[in-house]
Structures are given as structure tokens and as C-alpha cells.
Full PDB file with SEQRES, HELIX, SHEET, SSBOND, CRYST1, ORIGX, SCALE, CONECT and MASTER records, all heavy atoms in Angstrom:
SEQRES   1 A   40  ARG ALA ALA ARG MET GLN THR SER PRO LEU GLN TRP LEU          
SEQRES   2 A   40  LEU HIS HIS TYR LEU PHE PHE ARG ILE PRO LEU VAL ARG          
SEQRES   3 A   40  PRO GLN VAL TRP LEU ALA GLY LEU LEU PRO TYR VAL ASP          
SEQRES   4 A   40  TRP                                                          
HELIX    1 AA1 ALA A    2  MET A    5  1                                   4    
HELIX    2 AA2 PRO A    9  LEU A   18  1                                  10    
HELIX    3 AA3 GLN A   28  LEU A   34  1                                   7    
HELIX    4 AA4 LEU A   35  TYR A   37  5                                   3    
CRYST1    1.000    1.000    1.000  90.00  90.00  90.00 P 1           1          
ORIGX1      1.000000  0.000000  0.000000        0.00000                         
ORIGX2      0.000000  1.000000  0.000000        0.00000                         
ORIGX3      0.000000  0.000000  1.000000        0.00000                         
SCALE1      1.000000  0.000000  0.000000        0.00000                         
SCALE2      0.000000  1.000000  0.000000        0.00000                         
SCALE3      0.000000  0.000000  1.000000        0.00000                         
ATOM      1  N   ARG A   1     -14.406 -13.454  11.497  1.00  0.00           N  
ATOM      2  CA  ARG A   1     -13.393 -14.426  11.060  1.00  0.00           C  
ATOM      3  C   ARG A   1     -12.027 -14.043  11.608  1.00  0.00           C  
ATOM      4  O   ARG A   1     -11.258 -14.944  12.008  1.00  0.00           O  
ATOM      5  CB  ARG A   1     -13.325 -14.421   9.515  1.00  0.00           C  
ATOM      6  CG  ARG A   1     -12.426 -15.445   8.907  1.00  0.00           C  
ATOM      7  CD  ARG A   1     -12.399 -15.412   7.410  1.00  0.00           C  
ATOM      8  NE  ARG A   1     -13.784 -15.622   6.898  1.00  0.00           N  
ATOM      9  CZ  ARG A   1     -14.108 -15.358   5.631  1.00  0.00           C  
ATOM     10  NH1 ARG A   1     -13.255 -14.990   4.774  1.00  0.00           N  
ATOM     11  NH2 ARG A   1     -15.381 -15.591   5.246  1.00  0.00           N  
ATOM     12  N   ALA A   2     -11.697 -12.752  11.612  1.00  0.00           N  
ATOM     13  CA  ALA A   2     -10.406 -12.331  12.159  1.00  0.00           C  
ATOM     14  C   ALA A   2     -10.357 -12.635  13.660  1.00  0.00           C  
ATOM     15  O   ALA A   2      -9.279 -13.070  14.191  1.00  0.00           O  
ATOM     16  CB  ALA A   2     -10.178 -10.848  11.921  1.00  0.00           C  
ATOM     17  N   ALA A   3     -11.494 -12.467  14.366  1.00  0.00           N  
ATOM     18  CA  ALA A   3     -11.449 -12.791  15.776  1.00  0.00           C  
ATOM     19  C   ALA A   3     -11.259 -14.319  16.039  1.00  0.00           C  
ATOM     20  O   ALA A   3     -10.580 -14.642  17.001  1.00  0.00           O  
ATOM     21  CB  ALA A   3     -12.793 -12.311  16.432  1.00  0.00           C  
ATOM     22  N   ARG A   4     -11.887 -15.122  15.189  1.00  0.00           N  
ATOM     23  CA  ARG A   4     -11.728 -16.559  15.330  1.00  0.00           C  
ATOM     24  C   ARG A   4     -10.288 -16.994  15.015  1.00  0.00           C  
ATOM     25  O   ARG A   4      -9.762 -17.985  15.593  1.00  0.00           O  
ATOM     26  CB  ARG A   4     -12.672 -17.339  14.441  1.00  0.00           C  
ATOM     27  CG  ARG A   4     -14.134 -17.218  14.866  1.00  0.00           C  
ATOM     28  CD  ARG A   4     -14.945 -18.273  14.126  1.00  0.00           C  
ATOM     29  NE  ARG A   4     -14.930 -18.123  12.706  1.00  0.00           N  
ATOM     30  CZ  ARG A   4     -15.763 -17.351  11.994  1.00  0.00           C  
ATOM     31  NH1 ARG A   4     -16.778 -16.711  12.664  1.00  0.00           N  
ATOM     32  NH2 ARG A   4     -15.659 -17.239  10.726  1.00  0.00           N  
ATOM     33  N   MET A   5      -9.649 -16.259  14.141  1.00  0.00           N  
ATOM     34  CA  MET A   5      -8.279 -16.600  13.766  1.00  0.00           C  
ATOM     35  C   MET A   5      -7.232 -16.100  14.823  1.00  0.00           C  
ATOM     36  O   MET A   5      -6.065 -16.448  14.741  1.00  0.00           O  
ATOM     37  CB  MET A   5      -7.933 -16.044  12.389  1.00  0.00           C  
ATOM     38  CG  MET A   5      -8.744 -16.692  11.243  1.00  0.00           C  
ATOM     39  SD  MET A   5      -8.398 -15.944   9.672  1.00  0.00           S  
ATOM     40  CE  MET A   5      -6.655 -16.399   9.428  1.00  0.00           C  
ATOM     41  N   GLN A   6      -7.648 -15.213  15.752  1.00  0.00           N  
ATOM     42  CA  GLN A   6      -6.761 -14.713  16.719  1.00  0.00           C  
ATOM     43  C   GLN A   6      -6.359 -15.851  17.656  1.00  0.00           C  
ATOM     44  O   GLN A   6      -7.188 -16.668  18.103  1.00  0.00           O  
ATOM     45  CB  GLN A   6      -7.396 -13.600  17.521  1.00  0.00           C  
ATOM     46  CG  GLN A   6      -7.555 -12.316  16.769  1.00  0.00           C  
ATOM     47  CD  GLN A   6      -6.251 -11.660  16.444  1.00  0.00           C  
ATOM     48  OE1 GLN A   6      -5.249 -11.806  17.213  1.00  0.00           O  
ATOM     49  NE2 GLN A   6      -6.180 -10.903  15.404  1.00  0.00           N  
ATOM     50  N   THR A   7      -5.091 -15.973  17.921  1.00  0.00           N  
ATOM     51  CA  THR A   7      -4.576 -17.053  18.800  1.00  0.00           C  
ATOM     52  C   THR A   7      -3.898 -16.442  20.026  1.00  0.00           C  
ATOM     53  O   THR A   7      -3.453 -15.307  19.995  1.00  0.00           O  
ATOM     54  CB  THR A   7      -3.599 -17.957  18.067  1.00  0.00           C  
ATOM     55  OG1 THR A   7      -2.497 -17.123  17.572  1.00  0.00           O  
ATOM     56  CG2 THR A   7      -4.218 -18.654  16.861  1.00  0.00           C  
ATOM     57  N   SER A   8      -3.843 -17.194  21.082  1.00  0.00           N  
ATOM     58  CA  SER A   8      -3.200 -16.814  22.245  1.00  0.00           C  
ATOM     59  C   SER A   8      -1.650 -16.794  22.019  1.00  0.00           C  
ATOM     60  O   SER A   8      -1.154 -17.447  21.118  1.00  0.00           O  
ATOM     61  CB  SER A   8      -3.544 -17.698  23.437  1.00  0.00           C  
ATOM     62  OG  SER A   8      -3.040 -19.022  23.209  1.00  0.00           O  
ATOM     63  N   PRO A   9      -0.947 -16.057  22.887  1.00  0.00           N  
ATOM     64  CA  PRO A   9       0.537 -16.121  22.720  1.00  0.00           C  
ATOM     65  C   PRO A   9       1.120 -17.526  22.767  1.00  0.00           C  
ATOM     66  O   PRO A   9       2.049 -17.872  22.039  1.00  0.00           O  
ATOM     67  CB  PRO A   9       1.053 -15.275  23.846  1.00  0.00           C  
ATOM     68  CG  PRO A   9      -0.080 -14.320  24.153  1.00  0.00           C  
ATOM     69  CD  PRO A   9      -1.329 -15.066  23.907  1.00  0.00           C  
ATOM     70  N   LEU A  10       0.539 -18.415  23.610  1.00  0.00           N  
ATOM     71  CA  LEU A  10       1.051 -19.762  23.745  1.00  0.00           C  
ATOM     72  C   LEU A  10       0.721 -20.504  22.426  1.00  0.00           C  
ATOM     73  O   LEU A  10       1.603 -21.231  21.916  1.00  0.00           O  
ATOM     74  CB  LEU A  10       0.351 -20.454  24.938  1.00  0.00           C  
ATOM     75  CG  LEU A  10       0.777 -21.926  25.136  1.00  0.00           C  
ATOM     76  CD1 LEU A  10       2.231 -22.027  25.372  1.00  0.00           C  
ATOM     77  CD2 LEU A  10      -0.006 -22.498  26.280  1.00  0.00           C  
ATOM     78  N   GLN A  11      -0.466 -20.341  21.879  1.00  0.00           N  
ATOM     79  CA  GLN A  11      -0.756 -21.023  20.630  1.00  0.00           C  
ATOM     80  C   GLN A  11       0.127 -20.553  19.490  1.00  0.00           C  
ATOM     81  O   GLN A  11       0.593 -21.294  18.651  1.00  0.00           O  
ATOM     82  CB  GLN A  11      -2.273 -20.819  20.231  1.00  0.00           C  
ATOM     83  CG  GLN A  11      -3.211 -21.551  21.145  1.00  0.00           C  
ATOM     84  CD  GLN A  11      -4.645 -21.214  20.786  1.00  0.00           C  
ATOM     85  OE1 GLN A  11      -4.974 -20.053  20.481  1.00  0.00           O  
ATOM     86  NE2 GLN A  11      -5.504 -22.208  20.907  1.00  0.00           N  
ATOM     87  N   TRP A  12       0.388 -19.230  19.461  1.00  0.00           N  
ATOM     88  CA  TRP A  12       1.262 -18.717  18.453  1.00  0.00           C  
ATOM     89  C   TRP A  12       2.687 -19.263  18.581  1.00  0.00           C  
ATOM     90  O   TRP A  12       3.313 -19.634  17.549  1.00  0.00           O  
ATOM     91  CB  TRP A  12       1.345 -17.180  18.550  1.00  0.00           C  
ATOM     92  CG  TRP A  12       2.166 -16.526  17.525  1.00  0.00           C  
ATOM     93  CD1 TRP A  12       1.808 -16.037  16.312  1.00  0.00           C  
ATOM     94  CD2 TRP A  12       3.594 -16.282  17.618  1.00  0.00           C  
ATOM     95  NE1 TRP A  12       2.846 -15.512  15.622  1.00  0.00           N  
ATOM     96  CE2 TRP A  12       3.990 -15.665  16.406  1.00  0.00           C  
ATOM     97  CE3 TRP A  12       4.592 -16.534  18.536  1.00  0.00           C  
ATOM     98  CZ2 TRP A  12       5.309 -15.305  16.074  1.00  0.00           C  
ATOM     99  CZ3 TRP A  12       5.915 -16.191  18.250  1.00  0.00           C  
ATOM    100  CH2 TRP A  12       6.252 -15.589  17.055  1.00  0.00           C  
ATOM    101  N   LEU A  13       3.150 -19.348  19.831  1.00  0.00           N  
ATOM    102  CA  LEU A  13       4.501 -19.917  20.024  1.00  0.00           C  
ATOM    103  C   LEU A  13       4.571 -21.395  19.575  1.00  0.00           C  
ATOM    104  O   LEU A  13       5.560 -21.813  18.971  1.00  0.00           O  
ATOM    105  CB  LEU A  13       4.874 -19.750  21.494  1.00  0.00           C  
ATOM    106  CG  LEU A  13       6.296 -20.316  21.908  1.00  0.00           C  
ATOM    107  CD1 LEU A  13       7.351 -19.578  21.173  1.00  0.00           C  
ATOM    108  CD2 LEU A  13       6.455 -20.208  23.427  1.00  0.00           C  
ATOM    109  N   LEU A  14       3.513 -22.165  19.983  1.00  0.00           N  
ATOM    110  CA  LEU A  14       3.553 -23.571  19.616  1.00  0.00           C  
ATOM    111  C   LEU A  14       3.500 -23.747  18.111  1.00  0.00           C  
ATOM    112  O   LEU A  14       4.265 -24.584  17.591  1.00  0.00           O  
ATOM    113  CB  LEU A  14       2.362 -24.313  20.258  1.00  0.00           C  
ATOM    114  CG  LEU A  14       2.357 -24.413  21.789  1.00  0.00           C  
ATOM    115  CD1 LEU A  14       1.101 -25.144  22.274  1.00  0.00           C  
ATOM    116  CD2 LEU A  14       3.615 -25.213  22.238  1.00  0.00           C  
ATOM    117  N   HIS A  15       2.698 -22.960  17.442  1.00  0.00           N  
ATOM    118  CA  HIS A  15       2.615 -23.139  15.978  1.00  0.00           C  
ATOM    119  C   HIS A  15       3.897 -22.730  15.325  1.00  0.00           C  
ATOM    120  O   HIS A  15       4.396 -23.415  14.433  1.00  0.00           O  
ATOM    121  CB  HIS A  15       1.456 -22.301  15.430  1.00  0.00           C  
ATOM    122  CG  HIS A  15       1.352 -22.279  13.927  1.00  0.00           C  
ATOM    123  ND1 HIS A  15       0.890 -23.388  13.262  1.00  0.00           N  
ATOM    124  CD2 HIS A  15       1.701 -21.387  12.999  1.00  0.00           C  
ATOM    125  CE1 HIS A  15       0.930 -23.141  11.939  1.00  0.00           C  
ATOM    126  NE2 HIS A  15       1.401 -21.931  11.808  1.00  0.00           N  
ATOM    127  N   HIS A  16       4.524 -21.612  15.761  1.00  0.00           N  
ATOM    128  CA  HIS A  16       5.750 -21.178  15.120  1.00  0.00           C  
ATOM    129  C   HIS A  16       6.948 -21.956  15.589  1.00  0.00           C  
ATOM    130  O   HIS A  16       8.015 -21.903  14.918  1.00  0.00           O  
ATOM    131  CB  HIS A  16       5.949 -19.659  15.416  1.00  0.00           C  
ATOM    132  CG  HIS A  16       5.008 -18.832  14.566  1.00  0.00           C  
ATOM    133  ND1 HIS A  16       3.683 -18.625  14.946  1.00  0.00           N  
ATOM    134  CD2 HIS A  16       5.188 -18.172  13.427  1.00  0.00           C  
ATOM    135  CE1 HIS A  16       3.129 -17.855  14.070  1.00  0.00           C  
ATOM    136  NE2 HIS A  16       3.996 -17.530  13.124  1.00  0.00           N  
ATOM    137  N   TYR A  17       6.823 -22.678  16.715  1.00  0.00           N  
ATOM    138  CA  TYR A  17       7.940 -23.571  17.070  1.00  0.00           C  
ATOM    139  C   TYR A  17       7.938 -24.718  16.083  1.00  0.00           C  
ATOM    140  O   TYR A  17       9.000 -25.194  15.676  1.00  0.00           O  
ATOM    141  CB  TYR A  17       7.783 -24.029  18.504  1.00  0.00           C  
ATOM    142  CG  TYR A  17       8.181 -25.482  18.712  1.00  0.00           C  
ATOM    143  CD1 TYR A  17       9.533 -25.835  18.694  1.00  0.00           C  
ATOM    144  CD2 TYR A  17       7.228 -26.470  18.948  1.00  0.00           C  
ATOM    145  CE1 TYR A  17       9.887 -27.168  18.878  1.00  0.00           C  
ATOM    146  CE2 TYR A  17       7.607 -27.792  19.114  1.00  0.00           C  
ATOM    147  CZ  TYR A  17       8.955 -28.109  19.102  1.00  0.00           C  
ATOM    148  OH  TYR A  17       9.322 -29.422  19.254  1.00  0.00           O  
ATOM    149  N   LEU A  18       6.740 -25.191  15.734  1.00  0.00           N  
ATOM    150  CA  LEU A  18       6.705 -26.358  14.857  1.00  0.00           C  
ATOM    151  C   LEU A  18       7.156 -25.998  13.438  1.00  0.00           C  
ATOM    152  O   LEU A  18       7.820 -26.803  12.780  1.00  0.00           O  
ATOM    153  CB  LEU A  18       5.240 -26.889  14.807  1.00  0.00           C  
ATOM    154  CG  LEU A  18       4.771 -27.431  16.128  1.00  0.00           C  
ATOM    155  CD1 LEU A  18       3.236 -27.727  16.078  1.00  0.00           C  
ATOM    156  CD2 LEU A  18       5.496 -28.650  16.549  1.00  0.00           C  
ATOM    157  N   PHE A  19       6.730 -24.815  12.916  1.00  0.00           N  
ATOM    158  CA  PHE A  19       7.131 -24.492  11.575  1.00  0.00           C  
ATOM    159  C   PHE A  19       6.990 -22.994  11.368  1.00  0.00           C  
ATOM    160  O   PHE A  19       5.967 -22.427  11.640  1.00  0.00           O  
ATOM    161  CB  PHE A  19       6.280 -25.208  10.572  1.00  0.00           C  
ATOM    162  CG  PHE A  19       6.607 -24.883   9.146  1.00  0.00           C  
ATOM    163  CD1 PHE A  19       7.703 -25.496   8.510  1.00  0.00           C  
ATOM    164  CD2 PHE A  19       5.866 -23.980   8.400  1.00  0.00           C  
ATOM    165  CE1 PHE A  19       8.050 -25.204   7.186  1.00  0.00           C  
ATOM    166  CE2 PHE A  19       6.218 -23.669   7.099  1.00  0.00           C  
ATOM    167  CZ  PHE A  19       7.313 -24.275   6.489  1.00  0.00           C  
ATOM    168  N   PHE A  20       8.035 -22.400  10.860  1.00  0.00           N  
ATOM    169  CA  PHE A  20       7.947 -20.998  10.409  1.00  0.00           C  
ATOM    170  C   PHE A  20       9.079 -20.715   9.477  1.00  0.00           C  
ATOM    171  O   PHE A  20      10.092 -21.425   9.332  1.00  0.00           O  
ATOM    172  CB  PHE A  20       7.989 -19.997  11.585  1.00  0.00           C  
ATOM    173  CG  PHE A  20       9.277 -19.981  12.320  1.00  0.00           C  
ATOM    174  CD1 PHE A  20      10.304 -19.087  12.046  1.00  0.00           C  
ATOM    175  CD2 PHE A  20       9.540 -20.897  13.388  1.00  0.00           C  
ATOM    176  CE1 PHE A  20      11.491 -19.044  12.728  1.00  0.00           C  
ATOM    177  CE2 PHE A  20      10.714 -20.869  14.107  1.00  0.00           C  
ATOM    178  CZ  PHE A  20      11.715 -19.972  13.748  1.00  0.00           C  
ATOM    179  N   ARG A  21       8.869 -19.637   8.637  1.00  0.00           N  
ATOM    180  CA  ARG A  21       9.823 -19.292   7.568  1.00  0.00           C  
ATOM    181  C   ARG A  21      10.482 -17.959   7.860  1.00  0.00           C  
ATOM    182  O   ARG A  21       9.862 -17.059   8.458  1.00  0.00           O  
ATOM    183  CB  ARG A  21       9.089 -19.181   6.235  1.00  0.00           C  
ATOM    184  CG  ARG A  21       8.672 -20.542   5.647  1.00  0.00           C  
ATOM    185  CD  ARG A  21       8.005 -20.312   4.277  1.00  0.00           C  
ATOM    186  NE  ARG A  21       7.714 -21.573   3.622  1.00  0.00           N  
ATOM    187  CZ  ARG A  21       7.211 -21.686   2.434  1.00  0.00           C  
ATOM    188  NH1 ARG A  21       6.905 -20.557   1.727  1.00  0.00           N  
ATOM    189  NH2 ARG A  21       6.980 -22.868   1.862  1.00  0.00           N  
ATOM    190  N   ILE A  22      11.729 -17.882   7.442  1.00  0.00           N  
ATOM    191  CA  ILE A  22      12.491 -16.606   7.579  1.00  0.00           C  
ATOM    192  C   ILE A  22      12.990 -16.255   6.189  1.00  0.00           C  
ATOM    193  O   ILE A  22      13.941 -16.772   5.672  1.00  0.00           O  
ATOM    194  CB  ILE A  22      13.705 -16.797   8.539  1.00  0.00           C  
ATOM    195  CG1 ILE A  22      13.282 -17.309   9.872  1.00  0.00           C  
ATOM    196  CG2 ILE A  22      14.432 -15.516   8.709  1.00  0.00           C  
ATOM    197  CD1 ILE A  22      14.450 -17.628  10.828  1.00  0.00           C  
ATOM    198  N   PRO A  23      12.284 -15.348   5.492  1.00  0.00           N  
ATOM    199  CA  PRO A  23      12.753 -14.896   4.150  1.00  0.00           C  
ATOM    200  C   PRO A  23      14.056 -14.149   4.319  1.00  0.00           C  
ATOM    201  O   PRO A  23      14.249 -13.317   5.169  1.00  0.00           O  
ATOM    202  CB  PRO A  23      11.604 -13.965   3.689  1.00  0.00           C  
ATOM    203  CG  PRO A  23      10.409 -14.261   4.553  1.00  0.00           C  
ATOM    204  CD  PRO A  23      11.016 -14.672   5.875  1.00  0.00           C  
ATOM    205  N   LEU A  24      15.024 -14.465   3.451  1.00  0.00           N  
ATOM    206  CA  LEU A  24      16.310 -13.896   3.533  1.00  0.00           C  
ATOM    207  C   LEU A  24      16.619 -12.911   2.347  1.00  0.00           C  
ATOM    208  O   LEU A  24      17.197 -11.886   2.510  1.00  0.00           O  
ATOM    209  CB  LEU A  24      17.401 -14.949   3.556  1.00  0.00           C  
ATOM    210  CG  LEU A  24      17.390 -15.865   4.801  1.00  0.00           C  
ATOM    211  CD1 LEU A  24      18.489 -16.927   4.723  1.00  0.00           C  
ATOM    212  CD2 LEU A  24      17.498 -15.071   6.084  1.00  0.00           C  
ATOM    213  N   VAL A  25      16.252 -13.344   1.135  1.00  0.00           N  
ATOM    214  CA  VAL A  25      16.553 -12.545  -0.039  1.00  0.00           C  
ATOM    215  C   VAL A  25      15.360 -12.491  -1.000  1.00  0.00           C  
ATOM    216  O   VAL A  25      14.479 -13.411  -0.984  1.00  0.00           O  
ATOM    217  CB  VAL A  25      17.784 -13.117  -0.805  1.00  0.00           C  
ATOM    218  CG1 VAL A  25      19.009 -12.967  -0.004  1.00  0.00           C  
ATOM    219  CG2 VAL A  25      17.544 -14.554  -1.219  1.00  0.00           C  
ATOM    220  N   ARG A  26      15.208 -11.455  -1.807  1.00  0.00           N  
ATOM    221  CA  ARG A  26      14.341 -11.362  -2.895  1.00  0.00           C  
ATOM    222  C   ARG A  26      15.152 -11.466  -4.194  1.00  0.00           C  
ATOM    223  O   ARG A  26      15.726 -10.478  -4.664  1.00  0.00           O  
ATOM    224  CB  ARG A  26      13.524 -10.033  -2.863  1.00  0.00           C  
ATOM    225  CG  ARG A  26      12.672  -9.880  -1.571  1.00  0.00           C  
ATOM    226  CD  ARG A  26      11.832  -8.650  -1.637  1.00  0.00           C  
ATOM    227  NE  ARG A  26      10.985  -8.561  -0.453  1.00  0.00           N  
ATOM    228  CZ  ARG A  26       9.804  -9.151  -0.292  1.00  0.00           C  
ATOM    229  NH1 ARG A  26       9.313  -9.856  -1.316  1.00  0.00           N  
ATOM    230  NH2 ARG A  26       9.137  -8.992   0.813  1.00  0.00           N  
ATOM    231  N   PRO A  27      15.223 -12.619  -4.720  1.00  0.00           N  
ATOM    232  CA  PRO A  27      16.290 -12.926  -5.770  1.00  0.00           C  
ATOM    233  C   PRO A  27      15.837 -12.679  -7.213  1.00  0.00           C  
ATOM    234  O   PRO A  27      16.665 -12.982  -8.097  1.00  0.00           O  
ATOM    235  CB  PRO A  27      16.496 -14.430  -5.531  1.00  0.00           C  
ATOM    236  CG  PRO A  27      15.144 -14.914  -5.226  1.00  0.00           C  
ATOM    237  CD  PRO A  27      14.442 -13.847  -4.441  1.00  0.00           C  
ATOM    238  N   GLN A  28      14.663 -12.114  -7.448  1.00  0.00           N  
ATOM    239  CA  GLN A  28      14.180 -12.118  -8.855  1.00  0.00           C  
ATOM    240  C   GLN A  28      15.111 -11.355  -9.796  1.00  0.00           C  
ATOM    241  O   GLN A  28      15.336 -11.831 -10.921  1.00  0.00           O  
ATOM    242  CB  GLN A  28      12.781 -11.468  -8.868  1.00  0.00           C  
ATOM    243  CG  GLN A  28      12.074 -11.615 -10.197  1.00  0.00           C  
ATOM    244  CD  GLN A  28      11.859 -13.035 -10.621  1.00  0.00           C  
ATOM    245  OE1 GLN A  28      11.590 -13.920  -9.795  1.00  0.00           O  
ATOM    246  NE2 GLN A  28      12.144 -13.345 -11.888  1.00  0.00           N  
ATOM    247  N   VAL A  29      15.685 -10.219  -9.372  1.00  0.00           N  
ATOM    248  CA  VAL A  29      16.561  -9.440 -10.263  1.00  0.00           C  
ATOM    249  C   VAL A  29      17.788 -10.182 -10.599  1.00  0.00           C  
ATOM    250  O   VAL A  29      18.172 -10.319 -11.822  1.00  0.00           O  
ATOM    251  CB  VAL A  29      16.895  -8.051  -9.606  1.00  0.00           C  
ATOM    252  CG1 VAL A  29      17.832  -7.312 -10.505  1.00  0.00           C  
ATOM    253  CG2 VAL A  29      15.589  -7.251  -9.382  1.00  0.00           C  
ATOM    254  N   TRP A  30      18.509 -10.693  -9.619  1.00  0.00           N  
ATOM    255  CA  TRP A  30      19.776 -11.354  -9.937  1.00  0.00           C  
ATOM    256  C   TRP A  30      19.587 -12.716 -10.524  1.00  0.00           C  
ATOM    257  O   TRP A  30      20.416 -13.248 -11.243  1.00  0.00           O  
ATOM    258  CB  TRP A  30      20.744 -11.381  -8.771  1.00  0.00           C  
ATOM    259  CG  TRP A  30      20.246 -12.096  -7.505  1.00  0.00           C  
ATOM    260  CD1 TRP A  30      19.682 -11.456  -6.413  1.00  0.00           C  
ATOM    261  CD2 TRP A  30      20.329 -13.472  -7.208  1.00  0.00           C  
ATOM    262  NE1 TRP A  30      19.382 -12.418  -5.470  1.00  0.00           N  
ATOM    263  CE2 TRP A  30      19.764 -13.634  -5.917  1.00  0.00           C  
ATOM    264  CE3 TRP A  30      20.813 -14.586  -7.860  1.00  0.00           C  
ATOM    265  CZ2 TRP A  30      19.700 -14.881  -5.289  1.00  0.00           C  
ATOM    266  CZ3 TRP A  30      20.722 -15.826  -7.263  1.00  0.00           C  
ATOM    267  CH2 TRP A  30      20.139 -15.928  -5.976  1.00  0.00           C  
ATOM    268  N   LEU A  31      18.405 -13.375 -10.332  1.00  0.00           N  
ATOM    269  CA  LEU A  31      18.140 -14.592 -10.998  1.00  0.00           C  
ATOM    270  C   LEU A  31      17.962 -14.366 -12.512  1.00  0.00           C  
ATOM    271  O   LEU A  31      18.480 -15.126 -13.325  1.00  0.00           O  
ATOM    272  CB  LEU A  31      16.858 -15.251 -10.452  1.00  0.00           C  
ATOM    273  CG  LEU A  31      16.967 -15.982  -9.076  1.00  0.00           C  
ATOM    274  CD1 LEU A  31      15.644 -16.452  -8.635  1.00  0.00           C  
ATOM    275  CD2 LEU A  31      17.951 -17.154  -9.187  1.00  0.00           C  
ATOM    276  N   ALA A  32      17.269 -13.304 -12.875  1.00  0.00           N  
ATOM    277  CA  ALA A  32      17.091 -12.947 -14.288  1.00  0.00           C  
ATOM    278  C   ALA A  32      18.420 -12.606 -14.911  1.00  0.00           C  
ATOM    279  O   ALA A  32      18.630 -12.934 -16.102  1.00  0.00           O  
ATOM    280  CB  ALA A  32      16.092 -11.820 -14.391  1.00  0.00           C  
ATOM    281  N   GLY A  33      19.317 -11.936 -14.165  1.00  0.00           N  
ATOM    282  CA  GLY A  33      20.615 -11.618 -14.763  1.00  0.00           C  
ATOM    283  C   GLY A  33      21.485 -12.859 -14.864  1.00  0.00           C  
ATOM    284  O   GLY A  33      22.338 -12.995 -15.758  1.00  0.00           O  
ATOM    285  N   LEU A  34      21.360 -13.836 -13.974  1.00  0.00           N  
ATOM    286  CA  LEU A  34      22.145 -15.057 -14.002  1.00  0.00           C  
ATOM    287  C   LEU A  34      21.732 -16.044 -15.065  1.00  0.00           C  
ATOM    288  O   LEU A  34      22.523 -16.856 -15.572  1.00  0.00           O  
ATOM    289  CB  LEU A  34      22.136 -15.695 -12.585  1.00  0.00           C  
ATOM    290  CG  LEU A  34      22.930 -16.980 -12.409  1.00  0.00           C  
ATOM    291  CD1 LEU A  34      24.414 -16.737 -12.631  1.00  0.00           C  
ATOM    292  CD2 LEU A  34      22.686 -17.591 -10.980  1.00  0.00           C  
ATOM    293  N   LEU A  35      20.440 -16.018 -15.380  1.00  0.00           N  
ATOM    294  CA  LEU A  35      19.878 -17.049 -16.241  1.00  0.00           C  
ATOM    295  C   LEU A  35      20.550 -17.150 -17.566  1.00  0.00           C  
ATOM    296  O   LEU A  35      20.822 -18.301 -18.064  1.00  0.00           O  
ATOM    297  CB  LEU A  35      18.346 -16.753 -16.449  1.00  0.00           C  
ATOM    298  CG  LEU A  35      17.598 -17.836 -17.202  1.00  0.00           C  
ATOM    299  CD1 LEU A  35      17.610 -19.161 -16.476  1.00  0.00           C  
ATOM    300  CD2 LEU A  35      16.110 -17.413 -17.417  1.00  0.00           C  
ATOM    301  N   PRO A  36      20.907 -16.083 -18.292  1.00  0.00           N  
ATOM    302  CA  PRO A  36      21.557 -16.247 -19.591  1.00  0.00           C  
ATOM    303  C   PRO A  36      22.894 -16.970 -19.533  1.00  0.00           C  
ATOM    304  O   PRO A  36      23.316 -17.687 -20.466  1.00  0.00           O  
ATOM    305  CB  PRO A  36      21.788 -14.792 -20.098  1.00  0.00           C  
ATOM    306  CG  PRO A  36      20.732 -14.033 -19.359  1.00  0.00           C  
ATOM    307  CD  PRO A  36      20.590 -14.689 -18.033  1.00  0.00           C  
ATOM    308  N   TYR A  37      23.594 -16.922 -18.401  1.00  0.00           N  
ATOM    309  CA  TYR A  37      24.896 -17.577 -18.272  1.00  0.00           C  
ATOM    310  C   TYR A  37      24.773 -19.062 -17.973  1.00  0.00           C  
ATOM    311  O   TYR A  37      25.732 -19.834 -18.124  1.00  0.00           O  
ATOM    312  CB  TYR A  37      25.676 -16.934 -17.140  1.00  0.00           C  
ATOM    313  CG  TYR A  37      26.005 -15.461 -17.380  1.00  0.00           C  
ATOM    314  CD1 TYR A  37      25.219 -14.486 -16.818  1.00  0.00           C  
ATOM    315  CD2 TYR A  37      27.101 -15.084 -18.231  1.00  0.00           C  
ATOM    316  CE1 TYR A  37      25.494 -13.139 -17.061  1.00  0.00           C  
ATOM    317  CE2 TYR A  37      27.347 -13.771 -18.452  1.00  0.00           C  
ATOM    318  CZ  TYR A  37      26.539 -12.766 -17.871  1.00  0.00           C  
ATOM    319  OH  TYR A  37      26.842 -11.457 -18.154  1.00  0.00           O  
ATOM    320  N   VAL A  38      23.630 -19.517 -17.497  1.00  0.00           N  
ATOM    321  CA  VAL A  38      23.452 -20.923 -17.179  1.00  0.00           C  
ATOM    322  C   VAL A  38      22.380 -21.568 -18.025  1.00  0.00           C  
ATOM    323  O   VAL A  38      21.934 -22.679 -17.785  1.00  0.00           O  
ATOM    324  CB  VAL A  38      23.091 -21.094 -15.681  1.00  0.00           C  
ATOM    325  CG1 VAL A  38      24.192 -20.636 -14.777  1.00  0.00           C  
ATOM    326  CG2 VAL A  38      21.808 -20.393 -15.338  1.00  0.00           C  
ATOM    327  N   ASP A  39      22.005 -20.903 -19.091  1.00  0.00           N  
ATOM    328  CA  ASP A  39      20.933 -21.468 -19.931  1.00  0.00           C  
ATOM    329  C   ASP A  39      21.319 -22.808 -20.566  1.00  0.00           C  
ATOM    330  O   ASP A  39      20.478 -23.657 -20.878  1.00  0.00           O  
ATOM    331  CB  ASP A  39      20.568 -20.430 -21.024  1.00  0.00           C  
ATOM    332  CG  ASP A  39      19.276 -20.810 -21.693  1.00  0.00           C  
ATOM    333  OD1 ASP A  39      18.240 -20.946 -21.008  1.00  0.00           O  
ATOM    334  OD2 ASP A  39      19.239 -20.989 -22.946  1.00  0.00           O  
ATOM    335  N   TRP A  40      22.628 -22.999 -20.746  1.00  0.00           N  
ATOM    336  CA  TRP A  40      23.130 -24.234 -21.367  1.00  0.00           C  
ATOM    337  C   TRP A  40      22.822 -25.483 -20.518  1.00  0.00           C  
ATOM    338  O   TRP A  40      22.762 -26.581 -21.006  1.00  0.00           O  
ATOM    339  CB  TRP A  40      24.615 -24.131 -21.644  1.00  0.00           C  
ATOM    340  CG  TRP A  40      25.409 -23.844 -20.381  1.00  0.00           C  
ATOM    341  CD1 TRP A  40      25.716 -22.613 -19.874  1.00  0.00           C  
ATOM    342  CD2 TRP A  40      25.969 -24.805 -19.503  1.00  0.00           C  
ATOM    343  NE1 TRP A  40      26.443 -22.767 -18.721  1.00  0.00           N  
ATOM    344  CE2 TRP A  40      26.663 -24.106 -18.451  1.00  0.00           C  
ATOM    345  CE3 TRP A  40      26.036 -26.195 -19.483  1.00  0.00           C  
ATOM    346  CZ2 TRP A  40      27.310 -24.734 -17.417  1.00  0.00           C  
ATOM    347  CZ3 TRP A  40      26.707 -26.830 -18.424  1.00  0.00           C  
ATOM    348  CH2 TRP A  40      27.315 -26.085 -17.433  1.00  0.00           C  
TER     349      TRP A  40                                                      
MASTER        0    0    0    4    0    0    0    6  348    1    0    4          
END                                                                             
């Protein structure tokens, strides 16, 4: 299955040109701290 899922560099580039994500922050801690102030 892993071998079938392997893609060529060109296929990888085409797929990631169409759509890819760039995670920037892990917000869970400050979201939990902010929630009491905006609960209203």
C-alpha cells in the first residue's frame, strides 16, 4: 500500500500546487484562556 501511494516528484508538485496547508499556530492553550472573556 505504501508503495502504491508513493508518487513521483512531478505528481507531488502537481498535487501540492493545487492544494496544501501550512500550519502556523497551535492555539488550544490561548483559546482556552480567551474563552472566559468572550463567553458573553
